[in-house]
């Protein structure tokens, strides 16, 4: 299992945000332009409108499958 953290950058990189991916195997830090994230989210919401996620995926089943570890 791992963690995903997303937070805005401050000081010198006002127009970026940081994504931190952590697992038992290590950590990755990704700095990305806020404008790129905004574009991605707009395109995502056009494909799957807010509240319509359950029409495309059973999130409860997906989370259970990801967290079961084959049990």
Protein backbone atom coordinates (compact mmCIF):
# COMPACT_ATOMS: atom_id res chain seq x y z
CA UNK A 1 0.00 0.00 0.00
CA UNK A 2 1.00 3.58 -0.36
CA UNK A 3 -0.03 7.18 -0.08
CA UNK A 4 -0.72 9.92 -2.58
CA UNK A 5 -0.40 13.49 -1.32
CA UNK A 6 -1.28 16.56 -3.39
CA UNK A 7 -0.57 20.10 -2.27
CA UNK A 8 0.12 23.54 -3.75
CA UNK A 9 3.63 24.87 -3.96
CA UNK A 10 4.56 28.17 -2.40
CA UNK A 11 7.32 30.73 -2.60
CA UNK A 12 9.27 30.32 -5.83
CA UNK A 13 6.85 28.10 -7.74
CA UNK A 14 3.48 29.75 -7.32
CA UNK A 15 1.95 28.16 -10.42
CA UNK A 16 2.85 24.55 -9.64
CA UNK A 17 1.60 21.84 -7.37
CA UNK A 18 3.39 18.85 -5.92
CA UNK A 19 2.22 15.25 -6.00
CA UNK A 20 3.97 12.88 -3.61
CA UNK A 21 3.68 9.13 -4.23
CA UNK A 22 4.81 6.91 -1.36
CA UNK A 23 5.05 3.17 -1.00
CA UNK A 24 7.13 0.69 0.94
CA UNK A 25 9.47 0.67 -2.07
CA UNK A 26 10.18 4.39 -2.05
CA UNK A 27 8.89 7.84 -2.77
CA UNK A 28 8.43 9.99 -5.87
CA UNK A 29 7.95 13.76 -5.95
CA UNK A 30 6.29 15.27 -9.01
CA UNK A 31 5.96 19.00 -9.58
CA UNK A 32 3.35 19.86 -12.20
CA UNK A 33 1.90 23.07 -13.58
CA UNK A 34 -1.47 23.97 -12.07
CA UNK A 35 -2.71 24.83 -15.57
CA UNK A 36 -1.96 21.26 -16.75
CA UNK A 37 -3.89 19.81 -13.81
CA UNK A 38 -6.82 22.17 -14.50
CA UNK A 39 -6.89 21.13 -18.16
CA UNK A 40 -6.80 17.44 -17.21
CA UNK A 41 -9.64 17.87 -14.71
CA UNK A 42 -11.80 19.78 -17.20
CA UNK A 43 -11.33 17.04 -19.79
CA UNK A 44 -12.06 14.38 -17.16
CA UNK A 45 -15.29 16.09 -16.08
CA UNK A 46 -16.41 16.30 -19.73
CA UNK A 47 -15.97 12.53 -20.05
CA UNK A 48 -17.39 11.63 -16.63
CA UNK A 49 -19.48 14.40 -15.08
CA UNK A 50 -19.31 14.94 -11.33
CA UNK A 51 -21.64 12.44 -9.64
CA UNK A 52 -21.72 10.05 -12.61
CA UNK A 53 -18.70 7.99 -11.57
CA UNK A 54 -20.83 5.02 -10.44
CA UNK A 55 -22.17 4.68 -13.99
CA UNK A 56 -18.64 3.83 -15.15
CA UNK A 57 -17.04 1.97 -12.24
CA UNK A 58 -18.07 0.25 -9.03
CA UNK A 59 -15.79 2.22 -6.69
CA UNK A 60 -16.58 0.06 -3.66
CA UNK A 61 -15.57 -3.09 -5.55
CA UNK A 62 -12.45 -1.41 -6.97
CA UNK A 63 -11.30 -0.25 -3.53
CA UNK A 64 -12.00 -3.70 -2.06
CA UNK A 65 -9.97 -5.33 -4.83
CA UNK A 66 -7.08 -2.92 -4.36
CA UNK A 67 -7.00 -3.38 -0.59
CA UNK A 68 -7.66 -7.13 -0.34
CA UNK A 69 -4.12 -8.18 -1.27
CA UNK A 70 -5.46 -11.49 -2.54
CA UNK A 71 -7.20 -12.46 0.68
